[in-house]
Amino acid sequence: MTTSFASRPEITRGRLFAEDESNFRSCFQRDRDRIIHSSAFRRLKHKTQVFVAHEGDYFRTRLTHSIEVAQVARTISGALGLNEELVEAVSLAHDLGHTPFGHTGEDALHAQMIEYGGFDHNAQAVRIVTSLEQHYADFDGLNLTWECLEGIAKHNGPVSKPYPLALLEYNLQHDLELHTYASGEAQVAALADDIAYNNHDLHDGLRAGLFTDSQAAELPIVGPAFTAVDQKYKNLDAHRRRHEALRQVFGVMVEDVMATSYVILAQSCAKSAQDIRNLDHSVVQFSPSLWSELKEIRTFLFEKMYRAPRVMQQREHAAQVVRDLFEIFMTSPEAMPGNWGGAVASNAPDLHKARVVADYIAGMTDRFAQQEHDRLHTAR
């Protein structure tokens, strides 16, 4: 059931470059398909979520994370009567702008780019789908719909000024109304992101041995889930017990968002997708009580996982790789291959050079960044 406040493909605000639409796919389905077939999407397979790729094949990558987010988002979107095709497209694209080595790589690249406008992965995702993907004959980028671009740019809420330079440049030619909230679909994608990483970071942290089942069981939501599993299944082996408990944690988060958001949407009296944007608050939320419990879980994960000595050692190494690559390419842009090095004239201003360098580094996978660092840094 689609509600009146769902985004409707037949009244889309369209694409920057006009195209004949498909006879058998909606414009939002077409957006999703272009995202899946993009080079940037494929590279997510070898980009860090928390653990770098060589840590093991069972840990999440940016690609598997994005697929999990899309699955959760479609479920919530369907329950709330929103457009499942748009929410899937935004979910699959939401992490396209991430650097190698996860948030560590982003922080390191942002520090290098401070005097050139900084670096923001959401703005970079927009830059990728509007400019850096260069496969189509009639335009650069993927020429996504306004609604999809809006969702990528501001699924986390209105964008604060000063706008990231990469986002500002595109917004000047195609106004994404950065000061407002995004559609309900984009808001669902943002909460699905929270649900996915809260759940899979617990799972990956346990698998990595950074904390134990008994430690996790002291947490809100997680503890009651383990208790419920133990009551239902006697003498269940540890692997299945953990999986069943985290399934319940997952379900609690999803059901809470559905129930809470349903009430907020009903109280909003929104009659259209634009009404959702015009509100002064988000309509897709966790309940206050669950949000408080999730903050406790996040604090635990920061202490036991994100700041664990083993992970911190990886983080420092990754940051140094990004810093070194930035310095090398800024000094010797010809060290970048083909079109990348050719895009920087010998007399190019530093701002232009830095943007090209940042685009190139941000597009690297973990292993390619390490390989390039080893090759170039050794040769110096």
Protein backbone atom coordinates (compact mmCIF):
# COMPACT_ATOMS: atom_id res chain seq x y z
CA MET A 1 0.00 0.00 0.00
CA THR A 2 1.43 3.35 -1.07
CA THR A 3 0.40 6.37 0.98
CA SER A 4 -0.16 9.95 -0.11
CA PHE A 5 3.14 11.09 1.40
CA ALA A 6 5.19 8.55 -0.53
CA SER A 7 7.41 9.78 -3.35
CA ARG A 8 5.66 9.08 -6.63
CA PRO A 9 7.69 8.33 -9.77
CA GLU A 10 5.04 9.76 -12.07
CA ILE A 11 5.50 13.22 -10.56
CA THR A 12 9.26 13.15 -10.13
CA ARG A 13 11.10 16.45 -10.38
CA GLY A 14 13.11 14.73 -13.07
CA ARG A 15 16.76 14.55 -14.04
CA LEU A 16 19.25 17.32 -14.72
CA PHE A 17 19.54 16.05 -18.31
CA ALA A 18 16.19 15.14 -19.84
CA GLU A 19 15.85 11.55 -21.00
CA ASP A 20 13.16 9.34 -22.47
CA GLU A 21 12.00 7.19 -19.59
CA SER A 22 11.76 3.41 -19.70
CA ASN A 23 8.56 1.67 -20.74
CA PHE A 24 8.95 -1.04 -18.10
CA ARG A 25 10.92 0.50 -15.21
CA SER A 26 9.97 3.44 -13.04
CA CYS A 27 12.45 6.30 -12.82
CA PHE A 28 13.43 5.17 -9.32
CA GLN A 29 14.01 1.59 -10.48
CA ARG A 30 16.24 3.00 -13.18
CA ASP A 31 18.17 4.99 -10.57
CA ARG A 32 18.73 1.82 -8.55
CA ASP A 33 19.91 -0.10 -11.60
CA ARG A 34 22.40 2.60 -12.58
CA ILE A 35 23.79 2.65 -9.05
CA ILE A 36 24.24 -1.13 -8.99
CA HIS A 37 26.04 -1.08 -12.34
CA SER A 38 28.34 1.80 -11.39
CA SER A 39 32.07 1.34 -10.88
CA ALA A 40 31.87 3.00 -7.46
CA PHE A 41 29.33 0.44 -6.25
CA ARG A 42 31.53 -2.48 -7.28
CA ARG A 43 34.51 -0.99 -5.45
CA LEU A 44 32.57 -1.10 -2.16
CA LYS A 45 33.36 -4.83 -2.11
CA HIS A 46 36.91 -4.00 -1.06
CA LYS A 47 36.28 -1.03 1.22
CA THR A 48 36.37 -1.26 4.99
CA GLN A 49 33.33 -1.22 7.23
CA VAL A 50 35.26 -1.65 10.50
CA PHE A 51 37.86 -4.32 9.72
CA VAL A 52 40.19 -4.03 6.74
CA ALA A 53 39.74 -6.69 4.09
CA HIS A 54 42.63 -8.95 5.08
CA GLU A 55 41.19 -9.45 8.57
CA GLY A 56 38.88 -12.15 7.23
CA ASP A 57 36.24 -12.89 4.64
CA TYR A 58 33.36 -13.07 7.11
CA PHE A 59 33.42 -9.44 8.26
CA ARG A 60 31.21 -6.84 6.64
CA THR A 61 32.50 -4.62 3.87
CA ARG A 62 30.90 -1.42 2.61
CA LEU A 63 29.19 -3.48 -0.09
CA THR A 64 27.59 -6.03 2.21
CA HIS A 65 26.66 -3.24 4.60
CA SER A 66 24.93 -1.31 1.80
CA ILE A 67 22.98 -4.41 0.76
CA GLU A 68 21.87 -4.98 4.36
CA VAL A 69 20.78 -1.34 4.65
CA ALA A 70 18.72 -1.65 1.46
CA GLN A 71 17.01 -4.80 2.75
CA VAL A 72 16.09 -3.22 6.07
CA ALA A 73 14.98 -0.01 4.39
CA ARG A 74 12.67 -1.80 1.96
CA THR A 75 11.01 -3.62 4.86
CA ILE A 76 10.39 -0.42 6.84
CA SER A 77 9.39 1.55 3.76
CA GLY A 78 6.81 -1.06 2.79
CA ALA A 79 5.31 -1.06 6.28
CA LEU A 80 5.02 2.74 6.27
CA GLY A 81 3.55 2.95 2.77
CA LEU A 82 6.57 4.70 1.27
CA ASN A 83 8.18 4.06 -2.11
CA GLU A 84 10.34 0.95 -1.83
CA GLU A 85 12.16 1.58 -5.12
CA LEU A 86 13.41 5.02 -4.11
CA VAL A 87 14.44 3.90 -0.63
CA GLU A 88 16.41 1.02 -2.14
CA ALA A 89 18.23 3.33 -4.55
CA VAL A 90 19.19 5.80 -1.80
CA SER A 91 20.27 2.97 0.50
CA LEU A 92 22.52 1.37 -2.09
CA ALA A 93 24.13 4.73 -2.92
CA HIS A 94 24.47 6.18 0.56
CA ASP A 95 28.09 4.99 1.08
CA LEU A 96 29.46 5.41 -2.45
CA GLY A 97 31.56 8.38 -1.32
CA HIS A 98 33.45 6.55 1.40
CA THR A 99 37.22 6.47 1.19
CA PRO A 100 39.34 3.35 1.66
CA PHE A 101 39.77 2.35 5.32
CA GLY A 102 36.33 3.54 6.41
CA HIS A 103 35.87 6.58 8.62
CA THR A 104 39.58 6.55 9.44
CA GLY A 105 40.40 7.17 5.79
CA GLU A 106 37.74 9.86 5.59
CA ASP A 107 39.08 11.67 8.65
CA ALA A 108 42.62 11.55 7.28
CA LEU A 109 41.57 12.83 3.86
CA HIS A 110 39.43 15.57 5.41
CA ALA A 111 42.42 16.75 7.45
CA GLN A 112 44.50 16.98 4.27
CA MET A 113 41.69 18.82 2.47
CA ILE A 114 40.86 21.36 5.19
CA GLU A 115 42.36 24.31 3.32
CA TYR A 116 40.69 23.16 0.07
CA GLY A 117 37.12 22.90 1.32
CA GLY A 118 37.37 19.68 3.33
CA PHE A 119 36.07 16.21 2.49
CA ASP A 120 32.64 14.75 3.31
CA HIS A 121 31.57 11.29 2.17
CA ASN A 122 27.93 12.27 1.55
CA ALA A 123 29.02 15.18 -0.64
CA GLN A 124 31.50 12.87 -2.37
CA ALA A 125 28.72 10.38 -3.11
CA VAL A 126 26.82 13.16 -4.89
CA ARG A 127 29.99 14.08 -6.76
CA ILE A 128 30.42 10.48 -7.87
CA VAL A 129 26.88 10.05 -9.20
CA THR A 130 26.79 13.49 -10.85
CA SER A 131 30.28 13.78 -12.27
CA LEU A 132 32.95 11.14 -11.59
CA GLU A 133 31.14 8.14 -13.08
CA GLN A 134 31.81 8.69 -16.77
CA HIS A 135 30.25 5.93 -18.84
CA TYR A 136 27.26 7.47 -20.62
CA ALA A 137 27.42 9.21 -23.98
CA ASP A 138 25.09 12.11 -23.12
CA PHE A 139 26.22 13.13 -19.64
CA ASP A 140 28.74 12.69 -16.85
CA GLY A 141 27.56 10.88 -13.76
CA LEU A 142 24.46 8.68 -13.59
CA ASN A 143 21.87 11.44 -14.19
CA LEU A 144 19.75 10.27 -11.25
CA THR A 145 16.40 11.76 -10.37
CA TRP A 146 16.16 14.79 -8.14
CA GLU A 147 14.55 12.68 -5.42
CA CYS A 148 17.40 10.16 -5.39
CA LEU A 149 20.07 12.87 -5.35
CA GLU A 150 18.26 14.67 -2.55
CA GLY A 151 18.19 11.46 -0.55
CA ILE A 152 21.91 10.83 -1.00
CA ALA A 153 22.77 14.40 -0.05
CA LYS A 154 20.62 14.83 3.04
CA HIS A 155 19.31 11.48 4.29
CA ASN A 156 20.81 12.40 7.67
CA GLY A 157 18.83 15.63 7.79
CA PRO A 158 19.24 19.21 6.53
CA VAL A 159 22.81 20.00 5.54
CA SER A 160 24.50 22.58 7.73
CA LYS A 161 26.27 25.59 6.29
CA PRO A 162 28.90 26.08 5.09
CA TYR A 163 27.98 23.41 2.59
CA PRO A 164 30.74 20.98 1.56
CA LEU A 165 32.29 22.35 -1.62
CA ALA A 166 31.57 19.21 -3.63
CA LEU A 167 27.89 19.49 -2.72
CA LEU A 168 27.68 23.25 -3.19
CA GLU A 169 29.00 23.07 -6.76
CA TYR A 170 26.29 20.69 -7.88
CA ASN A 171 23.57 22.41 -5.87
CA LEU A 172 24.18 25.67 -7.72
CA GLN A 173 23.00 24.07 -10.95
CA HIS A 174 20.39 21.67 -9.55
CA ASP A 175 18.91 22.89 -6.26
CA LEU A 176 18.48 19.98 -3.85
CA GLU A 177 16.97 22.26 -1.16
CA LEU A 178 19.72 21.37 1.28
CA HIS A 179 18.13 23.36 4.12
CA THR A 180 15.09 21.06 4.42
CA TYR A 181 14.57 17.51 5.53
CA ALA A 182 14.58 14.88 2.80
CA SER A 183 11.73 12.62 1.75
CA GLY A 184 10.40 9.94 4.06
CA GLU A 185 12.21 7.38 1.93
CA ALA A 186 15.59 9.03 2.50
CA GLN A 187 14.88 9.24 6.23
CA VAL A 188 14.12 5.51 6.25
CA ALA A 189 17.48 4.86 4.56
CA ALA A 190 19.23 6.78 7.35
CA LEU A 191 17.59 4.79 10.14
CA ALA A 192 18.13 1.52 8.26
CA ASP A 193 21.82 2.44 8.20
CA ASP A 194 21.77 2.79 12.00
CA ILE A 195 19.97 -0.53 12.42
CA ALA A 196 22.30 -2.39 10.10
CA TYR A 197 25.55 -1.18 11.62
CA ASN A 198 24.39 -1.54 15.23
CA ASN A 199 23.46 -5.14 14.54
CA HIS A 200 26.37 -6.22 12.36
CA ASP A 201 29.01 -4.40 14.42
CA LEU A 202 27.89 -6.44 17.43
CA HIS A 203 28.12 -9.57 15.32
CA ASP A 204 31.52 -8.74 13.81
CA GLY A 205 32.94 -7.65 17.16
CA LEU A 206 31.90 -10.92 18.75
CA ARG A 207 33.30 -12.93 15.87
CA ALA A 208 36.58 -11.03 16.09
CA GLY A 209 36.85 -11.81 19.80
CA LEU A 210 36.92 -8.14 20.82
CA PHE A 211 34.28 -8.84 23.45
CA THR A 212 32.39 -11.88 24.68
CA ASP A 213 28.78 -13.01 24.55
CA SER A 214 28.51 -12.52 28.31
CA GLN A 215 29.78 -8.94 28.01
CA ALA A 216 27.30 -8.22 25.19
CA ALA A 217 24.53 -9.78 27.27
CA GLU A 218 24.99 -7.00 29.85
CA LEU A 219 23.74 -4.49 27.30
CA PRO A 220 20.13 -3.32 26.94
CA ILE A 221 18.19 -5.01 24.11
CA VAL A 222 20.98 -7.59 23.71
CA GLY A 223 20.65 -9.06 27.22
CA PRO A 224 16.88 -9.67 26.97
CA ALA A 225 17.43 -11.21 23.52
CA PHE A 226 19.91 -13.76 24.92
CA THR A 227 17.51 -14.51 27.78
CA ALA A 228 14.61 -15.10 25.38
CA VAL A 229 16.73 -17.44 23.26
CA ASP A 230 17.88 -19.41 26.32
CA GLN A 231 14.29 -19.82 27.47
CA LYS A 232 13.13 -21.06 24.09
CA TYR A 233 16.10 -23.25 23.16
CA LYS A 234 17.84 -25.45 25.70
CA ASN A 235 21.51 -26.31 25.21
CA LEU A 236 21.81 -24.42 21.92
CA ASP A 237 25.39 -24.26 20.66
CA ALA A 238 27.14 -20.91 21.09
CA HIS A 239 27.18 -19.99 17.40
CA ARG A 240 23.45 -20.53 16.90
CA ARG A 241 22.64 -18.93 20.27
CA ARG A 242 24.47 -15.75 19.27
CA HIS A 243 22.84 -15.65 15.86
CA GLU A 244 19.34 -16.11 17.27
CA ALA A 245 19.91 -13.40 19.89
CA LEU A 246 21.15 -10.88 17.34
CA ARG A 247 18.21 -11.71 15.09
CA GLN A 248 15.98 -10.62 17.95
CA VAL A 249 18.00 -7.43 18.48
CA PHE A 250 17.55 -6.70 14.79
CA GLY A 251 13.80 -7.26 15.03
CA VAL A 252 13.43 -5.02 18.08
CA MET A 253 15.09 -2.11 16.26
CA VAL A 254 13.07 -2.55 13.07
CA GLU A 255 9.74 -2.89 14.85
CA ASP A 256 10.48 0.12 17.05
CA VAL A 257 11.17 2.34 14.02
CA MET A 258 8.01 1.13 12.31
CA ALA A 259 5.76 1.71 15.32
CA THR A 260 7.29 5.06 16.27
CA SER A 261 7.37 6.45 12.74
CA TYR A 262 3.82 5.34 12.01
CA VAL A 263 2.58 7.49 14.88
CA ILE A 264 4.73 10.49 13.90
CA LEU A 265 3.55 10.28 10.29
CA ALA A 266 -0.09 10.10 11.37
CA GLN A 267 0.32 13.10 13.67
CA SER A 268 2.09 15.11 10.98
CA CYS A 269 -1.03 15.15 8.77
CA ALA A 270 1.31 15.11 5.77
CA LYS A 271 -0.50 14.69 2.47
CA SER A 272 2.48 14.59 0.15
CA ALA A 273 6.20 13.96 0.02
CA GLN A 274 6.71 17.72 -0.03
CA ASP A 275 4.77 18.05 3.22
CA ILE A 276 7.33 15.71 4.80
CA ARG A 277 10.17 17.94 3.60
CA ASN A 278 8.49 21.06 4.95
CA LEU A 279 8.26 19.77 8.53
CA ASP A 280 10.74 20.99 11.13
CA HIS A 281 11.51 17.46 12.33
CA SER A 282 12.17 14.02 10.96
CA VAL A 283 9.26 11.62 10.65
CA VAL A 284 11.30 8.40 10.80
CA GLN A 285 12.68 7.90 14.30
CA PHE A 286 13.47 5.44 17.06
CA SER A 287 11.40 5.80 20.21
CA PRO A 288 13.15 7.88 22.91
CA SER A 289 13.55 4.82 25.14
CA LEU A 290 15.12 2.66 22.43
CA TRP A 291 17.32 5.52 21.25
CA SER A 292 18.67 5.83 24.78
CA GLU A 293 19.44 2.10 24.85
CA LEU A 294 21.15 2.28 21.44
CA LYS A 295 23.39 5.07 22.69
CA GLU A 296 24.51 2.74 25.48
CA ILE A 297 25.29 0.05 22.92
CA ARG A 298 27.26 2.55 20.81
CA THR A 299 29.30 3.60 23.84
CA PHE A 300 30.12 -0.07 24.46
CA LEU A 301 31.13 -0.60 20.82
CA PHE A 302 33.37 2.47 20.84
CA GLU A 303 35.16 1.19 23.93
CA LYS A 304 35.43 -2.48 23.04
CA MET A 305 35.59 -2.37 19.25
CA TYR A 306 36.22 0.93 17.47
CA ARG A 307 38.92 1.95 19.98
CA ALA A 308 40.30 -1.52 20.65
CA PRO A 309 44.14 -1.60 20.44
CA ARG A 310 44.06 -3.97 17.49
CA VAL A 311 41.66 -1.75 15.56
CA MET A 312 43.47 1.45 16.57
CA GLN A 313 46.73 0.04 15.22
CA GLN A 314 45.03 -0.54 11.89
CA ARG A 315 43.51 2.94 12.01
CA GLU A 316 46.84 4.69 12.47
CA HIS A 317 48.43 2.73 9.66
CA ALA A 318 45.48 3.48 7.37
CA ALA A 319 45.60 7.20 8.19
CA GLN A 320 49.29 7.30 7.38
CA VAL A 321 48.70 5.61 4.03
CA VAL A 322 46.14 8.29 3.09
CA ARG A 323 48.37 11.12 4.28
CA ASP A 324 51.33 9.80 2.33
CA LEU A 325 49.34 9.29 -0.86
CA PHE A 326 47.91 12.80 -0.66
CA GLU A 327 51.37 14.30 -0.24
CA ILE A 328 52.83 12.26 -3.12
CA PHE A 329 50.05 13.12 -5.58
CA MET A 330 49.98 16.80 -4.64
CA THR A 331 53.74 17.00 -5.21
CA SER A 332 53.76 14.75 -8.29
CA PRO A 333 50.30 14.55 -9.88
CA GLU A 334 51.82 12.69 -12.81
CA ALA A 335 52.13 9.73 -10.42
CA MET A 336 48.38 9.30 -10.84
CA PRO A 337 47.49 7.17 -13.85
CA GLY A 338 46.01 8.17 -17.19
CA ASN A 339 43.18 10.66 -17.07
CA TRP A 340 43.73 11.44 -13.40
CA GLY A 341 47.24 12.78 -13.84
CA GLY A 342 46.25 14.37 -17.12
CA ALA A 343 43.45 16.28 -15.40
CA VAL A 344 46.01 18.38 -13.51
CA ALA A 345 47.86 20.90 -15.69
CA SER A 346 51.36 21.87 -14.58
CA ASN A 347 50.13 25.36 -13.67
CA ALA A 348 46.83 24.25 -12.12
CA PRO A 349 45.83 26.02 -8.89
CA ASP A 350 46.25 23.99 -5.73
CA LEU A 351 42.48 23.86 -5.14
CA HIS A 352 41.87 22.10 -8.45
CA LYS A 353 44.83 19.79 -7.90
CA ALA A 354 43.66 18.88 -4.40
CA ARG A 355 40.16 18.08 -5.61
CA VAL A 356 41.46 15.72 -8.28
CA VAL A 357 43.80 14.07 -5.79
CA ALA A 358 40.98 13.67 -3.25
CA ASP A 359 38.68 12.19 -5.89
CA TYR A 360 41.35 9.69 -6.89
CA ILE A 361 42.23 8.63 -3.34
CA ALA A 362 38.58 8.45 -2.25
CA GLY A 363 37.82 6.06 -5.07
CA MET A 364 40.52 3.58 -4.06
CA THR A 365 39.78 0.27 -2.41
CA ASP A 366 41.67 -0.66 0.74
CA ARG A 367 44.02 -3.01 -1.02
CA PHE A 368 44.69 -0.72 -3.99
CA ALA A 369 45.50 2.17 -1.65
CA GLN A 370 47.95 -0.07 0.21
CA GLN A 371 49.49 -1.32 -3.03
CA GLU A 372 49.91 2.19 -4.42
CA HIS A 373 51.39 3.37 -1.13
CA ASP A 374 53.87 0.51 -1.08
CA ARG A 375 54.87 1.13 -4.69
CA LEU A 376 55.12 4.92 -4.58
CA HIS A 377 56.44 5.38 -1.07
CA THR A 378 59.19 2.81 -1.61
CA ALA A 379 60.22 4.48 -4.86
CA ARG A 380 60.73 7.88 -3.25
